[in-house]
Amino acid sequence: MNSTGKGFINLSSLAAIFFSGLSFGMGHLYIGSGFVAWFVLSLVALTEIRKDEEVKEND
């Protein structure tokens, strides 16, 4: 994956952190939980991308 895709995922995870904190601070627990899930999924996507890149480098 190119650096633009990784940058978008990083930006997305930062937005998820911000909005989850904002939602929890305002007392919206369900919305905040959704943003936490969004953050976790973006971390999983980044981890998978890094693993794929490492495999390509080792070949």
N, C-alpha and C. Protein backbone atom coordinates (compact mmCIF):
# COMPACT_ATOMS: atom_id res chain seq x y z
N MET A 1 0.85 -1.18 0.00
CA MET A 1 0.00 0.00 0.00
C MET A 1 0.89 1.24 0.00
N ASN A 2 0.47 2.24 -0.68
CA ASN A 2 1.30 3.44 -0.77
C ASN A 2 1.18 4.27 0.51
N SER A 3 2.03 5.28 0.59
CA SER A 3 2.08 6.09 1.80
C SER A 3 0.82 6.93 1.99
N THR A 4 0.12 7.23 0.89
CA THR A 4 -1.12 8.01 1.01
C THR A 4 -2.17 7.20 1.77
N GLY A 5 -2.28 5.92 1.48
CA GLY A 5 -3.23 5.07 2.18
C GLY A 5 -2.91 4.94 3.66
N LYS A 6 -1.63 4.77 3.96
CA LYS A 6 -1.22 4.67 5.37
C LYS A 6 -1.46 6.00 6.08
N GLY A 7 -1.21 7.10 5.39
CA GLY A 7 -1.45 8.41 5.99
C GLY A 7 -2.92 8.63 6.29
N PHE A 8 -3.78 8.18 5.38
CA PHE A 8 -5.22 8.30 5.61
C PHE A 8 -5.66 7.48 6.81
N ILE A 9 -5.13 6.27 6.95
CA ILE A 9 -5.49 5.44 8.09
C ILE A 9 -4.98 6.06 9.38
N ASN A 10 -3.76 6.62 9.36
CA ASN A 10 -3.25 7.30 10.56
C ASN A 10 -4.11 8.49 10.94
N LEU A 11 -4.49 9.29 9.95
CA LEU A 11 -5.36 10.44 10.20
C LEU A 11 -6.72 9.98 10.73
N SER A 12 -7.22 8.90 10.17
CA SER A 12 -8.50 8.35 10.61
C SER A 12 -8.44 7.90 12.07
N SER A 13 -7.33 7.27 12.45
CA SER A 13 -7.22 6.82 13.84
C SER A 13 -7.10 8.00 14.80
N LEU A 14 -6.42 9.06 14.39
CA LEU A 14 -6.35 10.25 15.23
C LEU A 14 -7.72 10.90 15.38
N ALA A 15 -8.48 10.94 14.30
CA ALA A 15 -9.84 11.48 14.37
C ALA A 15 -10.71 10.63 15.29
N ALA A 16 -10.53 9.32 15.24
CA ALA A 16 -11.30 8.43 16.10
C ALA A 16 -10.98 8.68 17.57
N ILE A 17 -9.71 8.89 17.88
CA ILE A 17 -9.32 9.18 19.27
C ILE A 17 -9.98 10.48 19.73
N PHE A 18 -9.92 11.51 18.89
CA PHE A 18 -10.50 12.79 19.25
C PHE A 18 -12.00 12.68 19.48
N PHE A 19 -12.71 12.06 18.53
CA PHE A 19 -14.16 11.99 18.64
C PHE A 19 -14.61 11.05 19.76
N SER A 20 -13.83 10.00 20.04
CA SER A 20 -14.22 9.14 21.16
C SER A 20 -14.08 9.89 22.48
N GLY A 21 -13.00 10.65 22.64
CA GLY A 21 -12.84 11.45 23.85
C GLY A 21 -13.93 12.49 23.98
N LEU A 22 -14.26 13.14 22.88
CA LEU A 22 -15.33 14.13 22.88
C LEU A 22 -16.67 13.49 23.23
N SER A 23 -16.95 12.34 22.64
CA SER A 23 -18.24 11.67 22.90
C SER A 23 -18.35 11.18 24.33
N PHE A 24 -17.27 10.58 24.84
CA PHE A 24 -17.30 10.13 26.23
C PHE A 24 -17.42 11.32 27.18
N GLY A 25 -16.75 12.42 26.85
CA GLY A 25 -16.82 13.61 27.69
C GLY A 25 -18.21 14.22 27.73
N MET A 26 -18.94 14.07 26.64
CA MET A 26 -20.30 14.61 26.58
C MET A 26 -21.33 13.62 27.11
N GLY A 27 -20.89 12.44 27.51
CA GLY A 27 -21.81 11.46 28.09
C GLY A 27 -22.47 10.55 27.08
N HIS A 28 -22.00 10.53 25.83
CA HIS A 28 -22.56 9.67 24.80
C HIS A 28 -21.72 8.39 24.72
N LEU A 29 -22.06 7.43 25.58
CA LEU A 29 -21.22 6.24 25.71
C LEU A 29 -21.28 5.35 24.48
N TYR A 30 -22.45 5.20 23.86
CA TYR A 30 -22.56 4.34 22.69
C TYR A 30 -21.78 4.92 21.51
N ILE A 31 -21.87 6.21 21.30
CA ILE A 31 -21.15 6.85 20.21
C ILE A 31 -19.64 6.77 20.47
N GLY A 32 -19.23 7.02 21.70
CA GLY A 32 -17.83 6.92 22.06
C GLY A 32 -17.29 5.51 21.86
N SER A 33 -18.09 4.51 22.19
CA SER A 33 -17.67 3.12 21.98
C SER A 33 -17.49 2.82 20.51
N GLY A 34 -18.33 3.39 19.67
CA GLY A 34 -18.19 3.21 18.22
C GLY A 34 -16.89 3.79 17.71
N PHE A 35 -16.51 4.95 18.21
CA PHE A 35 -15.24 5.55 17.79
C PHE A 35 -14.04 4.76 18.31
N VAL A 36 -14.16 4.18 19.50
CA VAL A 36 -13.09 3.32 20.01
C VAL A 36 -12.94 2.10 19.11
N ALA A 37 -14.05 1.52 18.69
CA ALA A 37 -13.99 0.38 17.76
C ALA A 37 -13.35 0.81 16.44
N TRP A 38 -13.68 2.00 15.95
CA TRP A 38 -13.08 2.54 14.73
C TRP A 38 -11.56 2.64 14.89
N PHE A 39 -11.10 3.13 16.03
CA PHE A 39 -9.67 3.25 16.29
C PHE A 39 -8.99 1.88 16.30
N VAL A 40 -9.61 0.91 16.96
CA VAL A 40 -9.03 -0.43 17.04
C VAL A 40 -8.94 -1.05 15.64
N LEU A 41 -9.99 -0.88 14.84
CA LEU A 41 -9.96 -1.43 13.48
C LEU A 41 -8.89 -0.76 12.63
N SER A 42 -8.66 0.53 12.81
CA SER A 42 -7.61 1.19 12.04
C SER A 42 -6.23 0.69 12.47
N LEU A 43 -6.05 0.39 13.76
CA LEU A 43 -4.78 -0.19 14.21
C LEU A 43 -4.56 -1.57 13.62
N VAL A 44 -5.62 -2.36 13.54
CA VAL A 44 -5.51 -3.68 12.94
C VAL A 44 -5.13 -3.56 11.47
N ALA A 45 -5.75 -2.61 10.77
CA ALA A 45 -5.43 -2.42 9.35
C ALA A 45 -3.97 -2.01 9.18
N LEU A 46 -3.47 -1.12 10.01
CA LEU A 46 -2.07 -0.70 9.92
C LEU A 46 -1.12 -1.87 10.21
N THR A 47 -1.48 -2.69 11.18
CA THR A 47 -0.65 -3.85 11.52
C THR A 47 -0.57 -4.82 10.35
N GLU A 48 -1.71 -5.06 9.70
CA GLU A 48 -1.74 -5.96 8.55
C GLU A 48 -0.92 -5.40 7.39
N ILE A 49 -1.00 -4.10 7.18
CA ILE A 49 -0.23 -3.48 6.10
C ILE A 49 1.26 -3.63 6.38
N ARG A 50 1.66 -3.40 7.61
CA ARG A 50 3.08 -3.53 7.96
C ARG A 50 3.57 -4.95 7.79
N LYS A 51 2.74 -5.93 8.17
CA LYS A 51 3.12 -7.34 8.00
C LYS A 51 3.28 -7.67 6.52
N ASP A 52 2.36 -7.19 5.69
CA ASP A 52 2.46 -7.44 4.26
C ASP A 52 3.72 -6.82 3.67
N GLU A 53 4.06 -5.63 4.11
CA GLU A 53 5.26 -4.96 3.60
C GLU A 53 6.53 -5.71 4.03
N GLU A 54 6.53 -6.24 5.25
CA GLU A 54 7.69 -6.99 5.72
C GLU A 54 7.86 -8.29 4.91
N VAL A 55 6.74 -8.93 4.59
CA VAL A 55 6.81 -10.16 3.79
C VAL A 55 7.34 -9.85 2.40
N LYS A 56 6.91 -8.74 1.80
CA LYS A 56 7.40 -8.37 0.47
C LYS A 56 8.89 -8.05 0.50
N GLU A 57 9.36 -7.42 1.58
CA GLU A 57 10.78 -7.09 1.69
C GLU A 57 11.64 -8.34 1.87
N ASN A 58 11.10 -9.35 2.54
CA ASN A 58 11.86 -10.59 2.78
C ASN A 58 11.92 -11.48 1.56
N ASP A 59 11.03 -11.28 0.61
CA ASP A 59 11.04 -12.13 -0.60
C ASP A 59 12.11 -11.76 -1.57
